[in-house]
């Protein structure tokens, strides 16, 4: 219902002076019904959530609540940073070089020894590699299969090549 009226003669719209305000109040009964049903929906939702939480708690118990003072992350002992990484790398590479170029026991009880790489290669050339007859080869394998040729790259030494390069560049020129 519009508060304006249209004058039929001139087509001009004038406000209706009689309808200055709304003559009826809000419907209290409808507002109370809406509030009641809203409260009912909230109560039903809260009860169903409580039942669901109790059901899940019985199905899979969580255990004791965690205390903020337990399971504190332990910091490992010892230095956390390398103070001199170049010295550490050089020491590591010297140890590796010593392992590759000297004799030593790997497992004395089993009789396993460590040989220098050069000596091990000489022994392989003298004695040859152990072989087996083609009839003893496992099924599905080729008895004449050759090992693939793998070219040696410049990075074959890995991280210790850096130390070797420094030794060469720092060596006095004669």
N, C-alpha and C. Protein backbone atom coordinates (compact mmCIF):
# COMPACT_ATOMS: atom_id res chain seq x y z
N UNK A 1 0.85 -1.17 0.00
CA UNK A 1 0.00 0.00 0.00
C UNK A 1 0.89 1.24 0.00
N UNK A 2 0.70 2.10 -0.93
CA UNK A 2 1.52 3.26 -1.08
C UNK A 2 0.96 4.41 -0.26
N UNK A 3 1.85 5.24 0.22
CA UNK A 3 1.42 6.42 0.99
C UNK A 3 1.16 7.60 0.07
N UNK A 4 1.36 7.42 -1.21
CA UNK A 4 1.16 8.49 -2.15
C UNK A 4 -0.08 8.21 -2.99
N UNK A 5 -0.74 9.25 -3.41
CA UNK A 5 -1.90 9.12 -4.30
C UNK A 5 -1.62 9.87 -5.58
N UNK A 6 -2.25 9.43 -6.62
CA UNK A 6 -2.02 10.04 -7.92
C UNK A 6 -3.26 10.85 -8.29
N UNK A 7 -3.03 12.10 -8.61
CA UNK A 7 -4.13 12.92 -9.08
C UNK A 7 -4.42 12.52 -10.52
N UNK A 8 -5.67 12.10 -10.74
CA UNK A 8 -6.00 11.55 -12.06
C UNK A 8 -6.02 12.65 -13.14
N UNK A 9 -6.33 13.84 -12.75
CA UNK A 9 -6.45 14.89 -13.75
C UNK A 9 -5.10 15.35 -14.26
N UNK A 10 -4.16 15.64 -13.35
CA UNK A 10 -2.91 16.21 -13.81
C UNK A 10 -1.79 15.18 -13.92
N UNK A 11 -1.97 14.02 -13.35
CA UNK A 11 -0.92 12.99 -13.38
C UNK A 11 0.16 13.25 -12.35
N UNK A 12 -0.08 14.25 -11.47
CA UNK A 12 0.89 14.62 -10.46
C UNK A 12 0.68 13.75 -9.21
N UNK A 13 1.79 13.29 -8.59
CA UNK A 13 1.71 12.43 -7.42
C UNK A 13 1.85 13.29 -6.18
N UNK A 14 0.88 13.16 -5.26
CA UNK A 14 0.91 13.89 -4.00
C UNK A 14 0.99 12.91 -2.84
N UNK A 15 1.70 13.28 -1.76
CA UNK A 15 1.71 12.40 -0.60
C UNK A 15 0.34 12.40 0.09
N UNK A 16 -0.03 11.27 0.67
CA UNK A 16 -1.30 11.12 1.36
C UNK A 16 -1.14 11.69 2.76
N UNK A 17 -1.85 12.76 3.06
CA UNK A 17 -1.71 13.45 4.32
C UNK A 17 -2.35 12.68 5.48
N UNK A 18 -3.28 11.81 5.23
CA UNK A 18 -3.96 11.06 6.26
C UNK A 18 -3.10 9.92 6.82
N UNK A 19 -2.22 9.34 6.02
CA UNK A 19 -1.43 8.17 6.44
C UNK A 19 -0.05 8.63 6.88
N UNK A 20 0.09 9.39 7.94
CA UNK A 20 1.36 9.93 8.40
C UNK A 20 2.24 8.92 9.13
N UNK A 21 1.69 7.85 9.63
CA UNK A 21 2.45 6.82 10.34
C UNK A 21 1.72 5.49 10.22
N UNK A 22 2.36 4.45 10.64
CA UNK A 22 1.75 3.14 10.56
C UNK A 22 0.71 3.04 11.66
N UNK A 23 -0.44 2.62 11.33
CA UNK A 23 -1.56 2.61 12.25
C UNK A 23 -1.61 1.36 13.11
N UNK A 24 -0.94 0.30 12.78
CA UNK A 24 -1.00 -0.92 13.57
C UNK A 24 0.38 -1.25 14.12
N UNK A 25 0.45 -1.95 15.24
CA UNK A 25 1.71 -2.36 15.86
C UNK A 25 2.21 -3.65 15.21
N UNK A 26 3.47 -3.99 15.56
CA UNK A 26 4.03 -5.24 15.07
C UNK A 26 3.27 -6.40 15.68
N UNK A 27 3.20 -7.50 14.98
CA UNK A 27 2.47 -8.67 15.45
C UNK A 27 3.33 -9.39 16.49
N UNK A 28 3.01 -9.21 17.75
CA UNK A 28 3.78 -9.79 18.85
C UNK A 28 3.71 -11.31 18.82
N UNK A 29 2.57 -11.84 18.51
CA UNK A 29 2.41 -13.29 18.48
C UNK A 29 3.37 -13.92 17.47
N UNK A 30 3.50 -13.36 16.27
CA UNK A 30 4.41 -13.90 15.25
C UNK A 30 5.86 -13.81 15.71
N UNK A 31 6.21 -12.70 16.34
CA UNK A 31 7.59 -12.56 16.84
C UNK A 31 7.90 -13.57 17.93
N UNK A 32 6.96 -13.82 18.83
CA UNK A 32 7.16 -14.82 19.88
C UNK A 32 7.26 -16.23 19.30
N UNK A 33 6.45 -16.54 18.31
CA UNK A 33 6.54 -17.87 17.66
C UNK A 33 7.91 -18.04 16.99
N UNK A 34 8.35 -17.01 16.29
CA UNK A 34 9.66 -17.09 15.63
C UNK A 34 10.76 -17.30 16.67
N UNK A 35 10.75 -16.56 17.75
CA UNK A 35 11.75 -16.71 18.81
C UNK A 35 11.71 -18.09 19.43
N UNK A 36 10.49 -18.64 19.66
CA UNK A 36 10.37 -19.98 20.23
C UNK A 36 10.98 -21.02 19.31
N UNK A 37 10.63 -20.98 18.03
CA UNK A 37 11.15 -22.00 17.10
C UNK A 37 12.67 -21.84 16.89
N UNK A 38 13.17 -20.63 16.93
CA UNK A 38 14.61 -20.42 16.83
C UNK A 38 15.31 -21.03 18.05
N UNK A 39 14.76 -20.84 19.22
CA UNK A 39 15.33 -21.43 20.43
C UNK A 39 15.27 -22.95 20.36
N UNK A 40 14.18 -23.50 19.83
CA UNK A 40 14.06 -24.96 19.70
C UNK A 40 15.12 -25.52 18.75
N UNK A 41 15.35 -24.84 17.65
CA UNK A 41 16.38 -25.30 16.70
C UNK A 41 17.75 -25.27 17.37
N UNK A 42 18.04 -24.23 18.14
CA UNK A 42 19.32 -24.15 18.84
C UNK A 42 19.47 -25.25 19.88
N UNK A 43 18.44 -25.54 20.63
CA UNK A 43 18.49 -26.60 21.65
C UNK A 43 18.70 -27.95 20.99
N UNK A 44 17.97 -28.24 19.93
CA UNK A 44 18.12 -29.51 19.22
C UNK A 44 19.54 -29.63 18.65
N UNK A 45 20.07 -28.57 18.10
CA UNK A 45 21.43 -28.59 17.55
C UNK A 45 22.46 -28.85 18.64
N UNK A 46 22.34 -28.17 19.76
CA UNK A 46 23.30 -28.36 20.85
C UNK A 46 23.22 -29.78 21.42
N UNK A 47 22.01 -30.31 21.59
CA UNK A 47 21.87 -31.68 22.11
C UNK A 47 22.45 -32.70 21.14
N UNK A 48 22.21 -32.52 19.85
CA UNK A 48 22.76 -33.48 18.87
C UNK A 48 24.29 -33.39 18.82
N UNK A 49 24.85 -32.20 18.98
CA UNK A 49 26.31 -32.07 19.01
C UNK A 49 26.89 -32.76 20.24
N UNK A 50 26.22 -32.60 21.39
CA UNK A 50 26.70 -33.23 22.61
C UNK A 50 26.66 -34.75 22.48
N UNK A 51 25.59 -35.28 21.94
CA UNK A 51 25.48 -36.72 21.73
C UNK A 51 26.56 -37.21 20.76
N UNK A 52 26.81 -36.46 19.70
CA UNK A 52 27.84 -36.87 18.73
C UNK A 52 29.22 -36.87 19.37
N UNK A 53 29.54 -35.88 20.19
CA UNK A 53 30.84 -35.83 20.86
C UNK A 53 31.00 -36.99 21.84
N UNK A 54 29.94 -37.30 22.58
CA UNK A 54 30.02 -38.44 23.51
C UNK A 54 30.21 -39.75 22.75
N UNK A 55 29.51 -39.89 21.63
CA UNK A 55 29.66 -41.09 20.82
C UNK A 55 31.10 -41.23 20.31
N UNK A 56 31.66 -40.16 19.76
CA UNK A 56 33.03 -40.23 19.24
C UNK A 56 34.05 -40.42 20.35
N UNK A 57 33.79 -39.88 21.54
CA UNK A 57 34.70 -40.06 22.66
C UNK A 57 34.73 -41.52 23.11
N UNK A 58 33.59 -42.19 23.07
CA UNK A 58 33.54 -43.61 23.44
C UNK A 58 34.18 -44.48 22.37
N UNK A 59 34.01 -44.11 21.11
CA UNK A 59 34.55 -44.92 20.01
C UNK A 59 36.07 -44.84 19.93
N UNK A 60 36.63 -43.69 20.16
CA UNK A 60 38.08 -43.52 20.07
C UNK A 60 38.54 -42.56 21.16
N UNK A 61 38.93 -43.11 22.31
CA UNK A 61 39.37 -42.23 23.39
C UNK A 61 40.68 -41.55 23.03
N UNK A 62 40.78 -40.31 23.40
CA UNK A 62 41.94 -39.50 23.07
C UNK A 62 43.08 -39.74 24.04
N UNK A 63 42.79 -40.04 25.27
CA UNK A 63 43.82 -40.23 26.27
C UNK A 63 43.89 -39.04 27.20
N UNK A 64 44.93 -39.03 27.99
CA UNK A 64 45.08 -37.95 28.96
C UNK A 64 45.36 -36.63 28.24
N UNK A 65 44.86 -35.54 28.79
CA UNK A 65 45.14 -34.25 28.15
C UNK A 65 46.62 -33.92 28.23
N UNK A 66 47.13 -33.32 27.21
CA UNK A 66 48.55 -32.98 27.15
C UNK A 66 48.84 -31.80 28.06
N UNK A 67 49.93 -31.90 28.75
CA UNK A 67 50.37 -30.81 29.60
C UNK A 67 51.37 -29.96 28.82
N UNK A 68 51.34 -28.66 28.98
CA UNK A 68 52.31 -27.85 28.25
C UNK A 68 53.73 -28.04 28.76
N UNK A 69 53.89 -28.73 29.90
CA UNK A 69 55.22 -28.90 30.48
C UNK A 69 55.84 -30.25 30.16
N UNK A 70 55.09 -31.13 29.51
CA UNK A 70 55.63 -32.43 29.14
C UNK A 70 55.97 -32.44 27.67
N UNK A 71 56.75 -33.42 27.29
CA UNK A 71 57.19 -33.59 25.90
C UNK A 71 57.86 -32.34 25.36
N UNK A 72 58.64 -31.72 26.18
CA UNK A 72 59.38 -30.54 25.74
C UNK A 72 60.46 -31.00 24.77
N UNK A 73 60.60 -30.30 23.69
CA UNK A 73 61.59 -30.67 22.67
C UNK A 73 62.98 -30.56 23.26
N UNK A 74 63.73 -31.66 23.17
CA UNK A 74 65.08 -31.67 23.70
C UNK A 74 66.06 -31.23 22.62
N UNK A 75 66.95 -30.36 22.99
CA UNK A 75 67.97 -29.88 22.06
C UNK A 75 69.15 -30.85 22.14
N UNK A 76 69.65 -31.33 21.00
CA UNK A 76 70.75 -32.28 21.04
C UNK A 76 72.01 -31.66 21.64
N UNK A 77 72.80 -32.53 22.26
CA UNK A 77 74.04 -32.07 22.87
C UNK A 77 75.08 -31.79 21.78
N UNK A 78 76.05 -31.02 22.13
CA UNK A 78 77.14 -30.74 21.20
C UNK A 78 76.91 -29.47 20.43
N UNK A 79 77.85 -29.11 19.61
CA UNK A 79 77.71 -27.87 18.84
C UNK A 79 76.62 -28.02 17.78
N UNK A 80 75.83 -26.98 17.63
CA UNK A 80 74.76 -27.01 16.66
C UNK A 80 75.19 -26.43 15.31
N UNK A 81 76.29 -25.71 15.29
CA UNK A 81 76.81 -25.14 14.06
C UNK A 81 78.25 -25.56 13.88
N UNK A 82 78.67 -25.65 12.65
CA UNK A 82 80.07 -25.93 12.39
C UNK A 82 80.83 -24.61 12.49
N UNK A 83 81.77 -24.57 13.43
CA UNK A 83 82.54 -23.34 13.60
C UNK A 83 83.51 -23.15 12.44
N UNK A 84 84.12 -24.23 11.98
CA UNK A 84 85.08 -24.15 10.87
C UNK A 84 84.74 -25.25 9.86
N UNK A 85 83.78 -25.02 8.96
CA UNK A 85 83.36 -26.07 8.05
C UNK A 85 84.46 -26.52 7.09
N UNK A 86 85.36 -25.63 6.69
CA UNK A 86 86.43 -26.03 5.76
C UNK A 86 87.38 -27.01 6.44
N UNK A 87 87.67 -26.76 7.70
CA UNK A 87 88.55 -27.67 8.44
C UNK A 87 87.85 -29.01 8.64
N UNK A 88 86.55 -28.99 8.94
CA UNK A 88 85.79 -30.23 9.11
C UNK A 88 85.78 -31.03 7.81
N UNK A 89 85.57 -30.35 6.68
CA UNK A 89 85.57 -31.04 5.40
C UNK A 89 86.94 -31.61 5.09
N UNK A 90 87.99 -30.86 5.37
CA UNK A 90 89.34 -31.35 5.10
C UNK A 90 89.64 -32.57 5.98
N UNK A 91 89.24 -32.55 7.24
CA UNK A 91 89.45 -33.69 8.13
C UNK A 91 88.67 -34.90 7.64
N UNK A 92 87.43 -34.68 7.22
CA UNK A 92 86.61 -35.77 6.70
C UNK A 92 87.26 -36.38 5.46
N UNK A 93 87.71 -35.54 4.54
CA UNK A 93 88.32 -36.05 3.32
C UNK A 93 89.64 -36.78 3.60
N UNK A 94 90.42 -36.30 4.55
CA UNK A 94 91.65 -36.99 4.92
C UNK A 94 91.34 -38.36 5.51
N UNK A 95 90.30 -38.44 6.33
CA UNK A 95 89.89 -39.74 6.88
C UNK A 95 89.44 -40.68 5.78
N UNK A 96 88.68 -40.17 4.82
CA UNK A 96 88.24 -41.01 3.71
C UNK A 96 89.42 -41.49 2.86
N UNK A 97 90.34 -40.59 2.62
CA UNK A 97 91.54 -40.96 1.84
C UNK A 97 92.37 -42.00 2.58
N UNK A 98 92.47 -41.86 3.90
CA UNK A 98 93.21 -42.83 4.71
C UNK A 98 92.51 -44.20 4.65
N UNK A 99 91.17 -44.21 4.66
CA UNK A 99 90.43 -45.47 4.58
C UNK A 99 90.65 -46.15 3.23
N UNK A 100 90.74 -45.37 2.17
CA UNK A 100 90.88 -45.93 0.83
C UNK A 100 92.31 -46.40 0.55
N UNK A 101 93.30 -45.78 1.17
CA UNK A 101 94.69 -46.05 0.82
C UNK A 101 95.47 -46.87 1.85
N UNK A 102 94.85 -47.43 2.86
CA UNK A 102 95.58 -48.19 3.87
C UNK A 102 94.91 -49.55 4.11
N UNK A 103 95.67 -50.43 4.73
CA UNK A 103 95.17 -51.74 5.14
C UNK A 103 94.50 -51.60 6.50
N UNK A 104 93.53 -52.47 6.77
CA UNK A 104 92.88 -52.46 8.08
C UNK A 104 91.83 -53.55 8.17
N UNK A 105 91.42 -53.82 9.39
CA UNK A 105 90.39 -54.83 9.63
C UNK A 105 89.01 -54.20 9.49
N UNK A 106 88.14 -54.86 8.75
CA UNK A 106 86.74 -54.49 8.71
C UNK A 106 86.00 -55.28 9.79
N UNK A 107 86.22 -56.62 9.81
CA UNK A 107 85.66 -57.50 10.83
C UNK A 107 86.69 -58.59 11.08
N UNK A 108 87.41 -58.45 12.20
CA UNK A 108 88.51 -59.37 12.47
C UNK A 108 88.01 -60.78 12.72
N UNK A 109 86.87 -60.94 13.38
CA UNK A 109 86.35 -62.27 13.66
C UNK A 109 85.95 -63.00 12.38
N UNK A 110 85.40 -62.28 11.42
CA UNK A 110 85.01 -62.89 10.16
C UNK A 110 86.17 -62.95 9.17
N UNK A 111 87.27 -62.28 9.48
CA UNK A 111 88.43 -62.29 8.60
C UNK A 111 88.30 -61.34 7.43
N UNK A 112 87.49 -60.32 7.55
CA UNK A 112 87.33 -59.34 6.47
C UNK A 112 88.31 -58.19 6.67
N UNK A 113 89.09 -57.91 5.63
CA UNK A 113 90.09 -56.86 5.70
C UNK A 113 89.78 -55.77 4.68
N UNK A 114 90.40 -54.63 4.91
CA UNK A 114 90.30 -53.51 3.98
C UNK A 114 91.64 -53.38 3.27
N UNK A 115 91.61 -53.32 1.96
CA UNK A 115 92.82 -53.19 1.15
C UNK A 115 92.85 -51.81 0.50
N UNK A 116 94.04 -51.31 0.21
CA UNK A 116 94.08 -50.09 -0.61
C UNK A 116 93.48 -50.37 -1.99
N UNK A 117 92.88 -49.38 -2.57
CA UNK A 117 92.19 -49.57 -3.85
C UNK A 117 93.17 -50.03 -4.93
N UNK A 118 94.36 -49.45 -4.97
CA UNK A 118 95.33 -49.85 -5.99
C UNK A 118 95.70 -51.33 -5.86
N UNK A 119 95.92 -51.78 -4.64
CA UNK A 119 96.27 -53.18 -4.41
C UNK A 119 95.10 -54.09 -4.78
N UNK A 120 93.87 -53.69 -4.44
CA UNK A 120 92.69 -54.50 -4.78
C UNK A 120 92.54 -54.62 -6.30
N UNK A 121 92.81 -53.55 -7.03
CA UNK A 121 92.72 -53.61 -8.49
C UNK A 121 93.80 -54.53 -9.05
N UNK A 122 95.01 -54.49 -8.48
CA UNK A 122 96.07 -55.40 -8.93
C UNK A 122 95.68 -56.86 -8.69
N UNK A 123 95.11 -57.16 -7.53
CA UNK A 123 94.68 -58.53 -7.23
C UNK A 123 93.58 -58.99 -8.18
N UNK A 124 92.68 -58.11 -8.53
CA UNK A 124 91.61 -58.46 -9.48
C UNK A 124 92.22 -58.79 -10.84
N UNK A 125 93.21 -58.00 -11.25
CA UNK A 125 93.85 -58.26 -12.54
C UNK A 125 94.60 -59.59 -12.53
N UNK A 126 95.26 -59.91 -11.41
CA UNK A 126 96.00 -61.16 -11.31
C UNK A 126 95.06 -62.37 -11.26
N UNK A 127 94.05 -62.32 -10.40
CA UNK A 127 93.20 -63.49 -10.15
C UNK A 127 91.95 -63.51 -11.02
N UNK A 128 91.49 -62.37 -11.48
CA UNK A 128 90.25 -62.30 -12.24
C UNK A 128 89.05 -62.28 -11.30
N UNK A 129 87.91 -61.99 -11.88
CA UNK A 129 86.67 -61.97 -11.10
C UNK A 129 86.08 -63.37 -11.04
N UNK A 130 85.41 -63.71 -9.96
CA UNK A 130 84.77 -65.02 -9.90
C UNK A 130 83.63 -65.08 -10.91
N UNK A 131 83.54 -66.22 -11.59
CA UNK A 131 82.49 -66.40 -12.59
C UNK A 131 81.77 -67.71 -12.32
N UNK A 132 80.66 -67.90 -13.01
CA UNK A 132 79.96 -69.17 -12.92
C UNK A 132 79.57 -69.59 -14.33
N UNK A 133 79.32 -70.84 -14.47
CA UNK A 133 78.97 -71.39 -15.78
C UNK A 133 77.60 -70.88 -16.19
N UNK A 134 77.35 -70.85 -17.49
CA UNK A 134 76.08 -70.36 -18.00
C UNK A 134 74.93 -71.22 -17.49
N UNK A 135 75.19 -72.50 -17.22
CA UNK A 135 74.12 -73.37 -16.73
C UNK A 135 73.72 -73.01 -15.29
N UNK A 136 74.61 -72.33 -14.57
CA UNK A 136 74.31 -71.95 -13.18
C UNK A 136 73.67 -70.57 -13.07
N UNK A 137 73.51 -69.88 -14.18
CA UNK A 137 72.93 -68.53 -14.15
C UNK A 137 71.47 -68.62 -13.73
N UNK A 138 70.99 -67.66 -12.97
CA UNK A 138 69.59 -67.68 -12.57
C UNK A 138 68.68 -67.54 -13.78
N UNK A 139 67.48 -68.12 -13.72
CA UNK A 139 66.57 -68.05 -14.87
C UNK A 139 66.20 -66.60 -15.19
N UNK A 140 66.12 -66.34 -16.49
CA UNK A 140 65.75 -65.00 -16.93
C UNK A 140 66.92 -64.06 -17.09
N UNK A 141 68.14 -64.49 -16.72
CA UNK A 141 69.29 -63.61 -16.87
C UNK A 141 70.09 -64.05 -18.09
N UNK A 142 70.84 -63.13 -18.62
CA UNK A 142 71.67 -63.42 -19.77
C UNK A 142 73.08 -63.74 -19.27
N UNK A 143 73.62 -64.89 -19.63
CA UNK A 143 74.94 -65.30 -19.15
C UNK A 143 76.03 -64.45 -19.78
N UNK A 144 75.78 -63.90 -20.98
CA UNK A 144 76.81 -63.10 -21.63
C UNK A 144 76.57 -61.60 -21.46
N UNK A 145 75.77 -61.23 -20.50
CA UNK A 145 75.51 -59.80 -20.30
C UNK A 145 76.78 -59.12 -19.80
N UNK A 146 77.09 -58.02 -20.42
CA UNK A 146 78.29 -57.27 -20.04
C UNK A 146 77.89 -56.10 -19.16
N UNK A 147 78.82 -55.70 -18.33
CA UNK A 147 78.57 -54.53 -17.50
C UNK A 147 78.58 -53.29 -18.39
N UNK A 148 77.67 -52.38 -18.19
CA UNK A 148 77.65 -51.19 -19.04
C UNK A 148 78.86 -50.31 -18.75
N UNK A 149 79.32 -49.64 -19.80
CA UNK A 149 80.45 -48.74 -19.66
C UNK A 149 79.97 -47.44 -19.05
N UNK A 150 80.55 -47.08 -17.92
CA UNK A 150 80.19 -45.83 -17.25
C UNK A 150 81.38 -44.88 -17.34
N UNK A 151 81.25 -43.80 -18.07
CA UNK A 151 82.38 -42.87 -18.18
C UNK A 151 82.64 -42.19 -16.84
N UNK A 152 83.89 -41.94 -16.56
CA UNK A 152 84.28 -41.26 -15.32
C UNK A 152 84.15 -39.77 -15.56
N UNK A 153 83.41 -39.12 -14.68
CA UNK A 153 83.23 -37.68 -14.82
C UNK A 153 84.24 -36.97 -13.93
N UNK A 154 84.30 -35.68 -14.08
CA UNK A 154 85.23 -34.91 -13.26
C UNK A 154 84.78 -34.84 -11.81
N UNK A 155 83.50 -35.05 -11.56
CA UNK A 155 82.97 -34.98 -10.20
C UNK A 155 82.98 -36.35 -9.53
N UNK A 156 83.81 -37.26 -9.98
CA UNK A 156 83.82 -38.61 -9.43
C UNK A 156 84.27 -38.63 -7.98
N UNK A 157 85.05 -37.64 -7.55
CA UNK A 157 85.52 -37.63 -6.17
C UNK A 157 84.47 -37.09 -5.21
N UNK A 158 83.45 -36.47 -5.71
CA UNK A 158 82.40 -35.95 -4.84
C UNK A 158 82.85 -34.70 -4.11
N UNK A 159 82.47 -34.59 -2.86
CA UNK A 159 82.73 -33.37 -2.12
C UNK A 159 84.20 -33.19 -1.77
N UNK A 160 84.99 -34.25 -1.79
CA UNK A 160 86.40 -34.12 -1.43
C UNK A 160 87.24 -33.57 -2.59
N UNK A 161 86.69 -33.48 -3.79
CA UNK A 161 87.45 -32.89 -4.89
C UNK A 161 87.73 -31.42 -4.61
N UNK A 162 86.88 -30.76 -3.86
CA UNK A 162 87.10 -29.36 -3.49
C UNK A 162 88.38 -29.23 -2.67
N UNK A 163 88.59 -30.14 -1.73
CA UNK A 163 89.78 -30.10 -0.89
C UNK A 163 91.01 -30.38 -1.74
N UNK A 164 90.92 -31.33 -2.66
CA UNK A 164 92.05 -31.65 -3.54
C UNK A 164 92.40 -30.45 -4.41
N UNK A 165 91.37 -29.77 -4.96
CA UNK A 165 91.63 -28.60 -5.79
C UNK A 165 92.31 -27.51 -4.99
N UNK A 166 91.94 -27.34 -3.72
CA UNK A 166 92.58 -26.33 -2.89
C UNK A 166 94.04 -26.71 -2.60
N UNK A 167 94.29 -28.00 -2.35
CA UNK A 167 95.66 -28.44 -2.09
C UNK A 167 96.55 -28.17 -3.28
N UNK A 168 96.02 -28.43 -4.49
CA UNK A 168 96.81 -28.22 -5.69
C UNK A 168 97.08 -26.72 -5.89
N UNK A 169 96.06 -25.88 -5.67
CA UNK A 169 96.25 -24.46 -5.90
C UNK A 169 97.13 -23.83 -4.82
N UNK A 170 97.16 -24.41 -3.59
CA UNK A 170 97.99 -23.85 -2.53
C UNK A 170 99.39 -24.43 -2.51
N UNK A 171 99.63 -25.46 -3.32
CA UNK A 171 100.96 -26.10 -3.33
C UNK A 171 101.99 -25.12 -3.89
N UNK A 172 103.16 -25.09 -3.27
CA UNK A 172 104.21 -24.19 -3.77
C UNK A 172 104.69 -24.66 -5.14
N UNK A 173 104.94 -23.70 -6.00
CA UNK A 173 105.43 -24.01 -7.34
C UNK A 173 106.95 -24.10 -7.28
N UNK A 174 107.50 -25.19 -7.77
CA UNK A 174 108.96 -25.41 -7.72
C UNK A 174 109.61 -25.03 -9.00
